[in-house]
Amino acid sequence: MLSYLNEHELQLTSRFLFLSMAIIVINRDIETIRNGPFKFKEPYIKLLEKMLTQATKERRLLRQSMKKYNMQVTLLQKDDLFSTFLFVSNKREEKRNYFNPAIKKNVEKIFWDLLLEANVDIENYPEV
């Protein structure tokens, strides 16, 4: 497949895209836990909030880099199997189709990375 964007541009915009999706998942999970029948909600919420903070910081940095290089990514179309995105960098455009289960795998990998980075500090855990 012919690519109009270089590897760095594709990596940057793809990471931004999938990280943004991971942030949506984390926010939904926080709401699900808050409203769900969990006995101990706080530990899960704290962990997810820490992951959310990390993801938001990283996305802010990615957005700054993308703005600097005049890059953006936009959803064009979505159906049951595929999602199509438009990647733009310095007036060069490229449409990319992603198999939705592949998107889920990418978002899940980012979720796991954030979970590992969260490295919850057990020292601050309350005495029982």
C-alpha atoms as a PDB file:
ATOM      1  CA  MET A   1       0.000   0.000   0.000  1.00  0.00           C
ATOM      2  CA  LEU A   2       1.319   3.423  -0.961  1.00  0.00           C
ATOM      3  CA  SER A   3       1.694   5.706   2.044  1.00  0.00           C
ATOM      4  CA  TYR A   4       1.706   9.480   1.777  1.00  0.00           C
ATOM      5  CA  LEU A   5       2.703   9.917   5.412  1.00  0.00           C
ATOM      6  CA  ASN A   6       6.044   8.848   6.775  1.00  0.00           C
ATOM      7  CA  GLU A   7       6.444   6.288   9.567  1.00  0.00           C
ATOM      8  CA  HIS A   8       6.830   8.926  12.295  1.00  0.00           C
ATOM      9  CA  GLU A   9       3.663  10.737  11.207  1.00  0.00           C
ATOM     10  CA  LEU A  10       1.680   7.497  11.134  1.00  0.00           C
ATOM     11  CA  GLN A  11       2.990   6.416  14.536  1.00  0.00           C
ATOM     12  CA  LEU A  12       2.183   9.780  16.111  1.00  0.00           C
ATOM     13  CA  THR A  13      -1.331  10.047  14.697  1.00  0.00           C
ATOM     14  CA  SER A  14      -2.135   6.379  15.336  1.00  0.00           C
ATOM     15  CA  ARG A  15      -1.006   6.602  18.939  1.00  0.00           C
ATOM     16  CA  PHE A  16      -3.141   9.734  19.369  1.00  0.00           C
ATOM     17  CA  LEU A  17      -6.140   7.964  17.844  1.00  0.00           C
ATOM     18  CA  PHE A  18      -5.911   4.776  19.906  1.00  0.00           C
ATOM     19  CA  LEU A  19      -4.991   6.640  23.097  1.00  0.00           C
ATOM     20  CA  SER A  20      -8.080   8.809  22.648  1.00  0.00           C
ATOM     21  CA  MET A  21     -10.154   5.640  22.374  1.00  0.00           C
ATOM     22  CA  ALA A  22      -8.518   4.220  25.506  1.00  0.00           C
ATOM     23  CA  ILE A  23      -9.441   7.408  27.389  1.00  0.00           C
ATOM     24  CA  ILE A  24     -13.075   6.899  26.393  1.00  0.00           C
ATOM     25  CA  VAL A  25     -12.930   3.305  27.660  1.00  0.00           C
ATOM     26  CA  ILE A  26     -11.380   4.371  30.972  1.00  0.00           C
ATOM     27  CA  ASN A  27     -14.012   7.076  31.503  1.00  0.00           C
ATOM     28  CA  ARG A  28     -16.793   4.575  30.795  1.00  0.00           C
ATOM     29  CA  ASP A  29     -15.239   2.053  33.174  1.00  0.00           C
ATOM     30  CA  ILE A  30     -15.045   4.670  35.930  1.00  0.00           C
ATOM     31  CA  GLU A  31     -18.761   5.439  35.472  1.00  0.00           C
ATOM     32  CA  THR A  32     -19.630   1.731  35.374  1.00  0.00           C
ATOM     33  CA  ILE A  33     -17.824   1.148  38.662  1.00  0.00           C
ATOM     34  CA  ARG A  34     -19.329   4.236  40.298  1.00  0.00           C
ATOM     35  CA  ASN A  35     -22.836   3.121  39.341  1.00  0.00           C
ATOM     36  CA  GLY A  36     -22.284  -0.629  39.679  1.00  0.00           C
ATOM     37  CA  PRO A  37     -22.753  -3.095  42.521  1.00  0.00           C
ATOM     38  CA  PHE A  38     -19.076  -3.135  43.550  1.00  0.00           C
ATOM     39  CA  LYS A  39     -18.428  -3.534  47.280  1.00  0.00           C
ATOM     40  CA  PHE A  40     -15.128  -1.638  47.156  1.00  0.00           C
ATOM     41  CA  LYS A  41     -15.298   0.963  44.428  1.00  0.00           C
ATOM     42  CA  GLU A  42     -12.528   3.296  45.535  1.00  0.00           C
ATOM     43  CA  PRO A  43      -9.492   1.096  44.715  1.00  0.00           C
ATOM     44  CA  TYR A  44     -10.715   0.515  41.150  1.00  0.00           C
ATOM     45  CA  ILE A  45     -11.644   4.142  40.656  1.00  0.00           C
ATOM     46  CA  LYS A  46      -8.266   5.348  41.979  1.00  0.00           C
ATOM     47  CA  LEU A  47      -6.420   2.998  39.634  1.00  0.00           C
ATOM     48  CA  LEU A  48      -8.473   4.050  36.613  1.00  0.00           C
ATOM     49  CA  GLU A  49      -8.145   7.737  37.520  1.00  0.00           C
ATOM     50  CA  LYS A  50      -4.372   7.372  37.685  1.00  0.00           C
ATOM     51  CA  MET A  51      -4.403   5.691  34.271  1.00  0.00           C
ATOM     52  CA  LEU A  52      -6.661   8.462  32.971  1.00  0.00           C
ATOM     53  CA  THR A  53      -4.273  11.145  34.225  1.00  0.00           C
ATOM     54  CA  GLN A  54      -1.318   9.466  32.500  1.00  0.00           C
ATOM     55  CA  ALA A  55      -3.258   8.995  29.266  1.00  0.00           C
ATOM     56  CA  THR A  56      -4.472  12.595  29.273  1.00  0.00           C
ATOM     57  CA  LYS A  57      -0.940  13.918  29.793  1.00  0.00           C
ATOM     58  CA  GLU A  58       0.416  11.782  26.968  1.00  0.00           C
ATOM     59  CA  ARG A  59      -2.428  12.787  24.651  1.00  0.00           C
ATOM     60  CA  ARG A  60      -1.789  16.473  25.413  1.00  0.00           C
ATOM     61  CA  LEU A  61       1.859  16.032  24.370  1.00  0.00           C
ATOM     62  CA  LEU A  62       0.832  14.152  21.231  1.00  0.00           C
ATOM     63  CA  ARG A  63      -1.683  16.871  20.377  1.00  0.00           C
ATOM     64  CA  GLN A  64       1.049  19.525  20.756  1.00  0.00           C
ATOM     65  CA  SER A  65       3.357  17.586  18.424  1.00  0.00           C
ATOM     66  CA  MET A  66       0.562  17.086  15.928  1.00  0.00           C
ATOM     67  CA  LYS A  67      -0.300  20.781  15.991  1.00  0.00           C
ATOM     68  CA  LYS A  68       3.348  21.690  15.491  1.00  0.00           C
ATOM     69  CA  TYR A  69       3.500  19.542  12.342  1.00  0.00           C
ATOM     70  CA  ASN A  70      -0.027  20.400  11.177  1.00  0.00           C
ATOM     71  CA  MET A  71      -1.312  16.851  11.655  1.00  0.00           C
ATOM     72  CA  GLN A  72      -4.779  15.542  12.379  1.00  0.00           C
ATOM     73  CA  VAL A  73      -6.818  12.368  12.277  1.00  0.00           C
ATOM     74  CA  THR A  74     -10.557  12.174  11.642  1.00  0.00           C
ATOM     75  CA  LEU A  75     -13.096   9.361  11.578  1.00  0.00           C
ATOM     76  CA  LEU A  76     -14.659   9.196   8.116  1.00  0.00           C
ATOM     77  CA  GLN A  77     -16.821   6.106   8.302  1.00  0.00           C
ATOM     78  CA  LYS A  78     -17.608   3.211  10.622  1.00  0.00           C
ATOM     79  CA  ASP A  79     -19.577   0.016  10.163  1.00  0.00           C
ATOM     80  CA  ASP A  80     -19.702  -3.356  11.916  1.00  0.00           C
ATOM     81  CA  LEU A  81     -16.367  -4.548  10.543  1.00  0.00           C
ATOM     82  CA  PHE A  82     -14.247  -1.569   9.557  1.00  0.00           C
ATOM     83  CA  SER A  83     -13.553   2.040  10.517  1.00  0.00           C
ATOM     84  CA  THR A  84     -12.023   4.481   8.060  1.00  0.00           C
ATOM     85  CA  PHE A  85      -9.893   7.377   9.229  1.00  0.00           C
ATOM     86  CA  LEU A  86      -8.352  10.296   7.392  1.00  0.00           C
ATOM     87  CA  PHE A  87      -4.791  11.097   8.433  1.00  0.00           C
ATOM     88  CA  VAL A  88      -3.524  14.553   7.439  1.00  0.00           C
ATOM     89  CA  SER A  89       0.017  15.879   7.738  1.00  0.00           C
ATOM     90  CA  ASN A  90       1.238  19.075   6.100  1.00  0.00           C
ATOM     91  CA  LYS A  91      -1.523  18.972   3.483  1.00  0.00           C
ATOM     92  CA  ARG A  92      -0.812  15.337   2.631  1.00  0.00           C
ATOM     93  CA  GLU A  93      -3.770  13.040   3.201  1.00  0.00           C
ATOM     94  CA  GLU A  94      -4.100   9.321   3.618  1.00  0.00           C
ATOM     95  CA  LYS A  95      -7.204   7.229   4.234  1.00  0.00           C
ATOM     96  CA  ARG A  96      -6.720   4.130   6.356  1.00  0.00           C
ATOM     97  CA  ASN A  97      -9.157   1.319   6.974  1.00  0.00           C
ATOM     98  CA  TYR A  98      -8.914  -0.544  10.263  1.00  0.00           C
ATOM     99  CA  PHE A  99     -10.567  -3.841  11.091  1.00  0.00           C
ATOM    100  CA  ASN A 100     -12.581  -3.056  14.244  1.00  0.00           C
ATOM    101  CA  PRO A 101     -11.224  -6.060  16.225  1.00  0.00           C
ATOM    102  CA  ALA A 102      -7.703  -4.782  15.384  1.00  0.00           C
ATOM    103  CA  ILE A 103      -8.665  -1.367  16.787  1.00  0.00           C
ATOM    104  CA  LYS A 104      -9.866  -3.092  19.949  1.00  0.00           C
ATOM    105  CA  LYS A 105      -6.527  -4.930  20.249  1.00  0.00           C
ATOM    106  CA  ASN A 106      -4.571  -1.671  19.869  1.00  0.00           C
ATOM    107  CA  VAL A 107      -6.712   0.075  22.486  1.00  0.00           C
ATOM    108  CA  GLU A 108      -6.402  -2.909  24.827  1.00  0.00           C
ATOM    109  CA  LYS A 109      -2.609  -2.854  24.477  1.00  0.00           C
ATOM    110  CA  ILE A 110      -2.562   0.830  25.409  1.00  0.00           C
ATOM    111  CA  PHE A 111      -4.873   0.059  28.333  1.00  0.00           C
ATOM    112  CA  TRP A 112      -2.428  -2.603  29.580  1.00  0.00           C
ATOM    113  CA  ASP A 113       0.522  -0.218  29.120  1.00  0.00           C
ATOM    114  CA  LEU A 114      -1.285   2.412  31.191  1.00  0.00           C
ATOM    115  CA  LEU A 115      -2.171  -0.171  33.818  1.00  0.00           C
ATOM    116  CA  LEU A 116       1.469  -1.212  34.137  1.00  0.00           C
ATOM    117  CA  GLU A 117       2.622   2.424  34.231  1.00  0.00           C
ATOM    118  CA  ALA A 118       0.087   3.249  36.954  1.00  0.00           C
ATOM    119  CA  ASN A 119       2.127   1.128  39.344  1.00  0.00           C
ATOM    120  CA  VAL A 120      -0.233   1.772  42.234  1.00  0.00           C
ATOM    121  CA  ASP A 121       1.568   2.908  45.356  1.00  0.00           C
ATOM    122  CA  ILE A 122       0.568   0.391  48.032  1.00  0.00           C
ATOM    123  CA  GLU A 123       2.354   2.535  50.639  1.00  0.00           C
ATOM    124  CA  ASN A 124      -0.578   4.981  50.554  1.00  0.00           C
ATOM    125  CA  TYR A 125      -3.177   2.334  51.010  1.00  0.00           C
ATOM    126  CA  PRO A 126      -5.367   3.000  54.065  1.00  0.00           C
ATOM    127  CA  GLU A 127      -4.987   1.014  57.273  1.00  0.00           C
ATOM    128  CA  VAL A 128      -7.778  -1.421  57.941  1.00  0.00           C
END
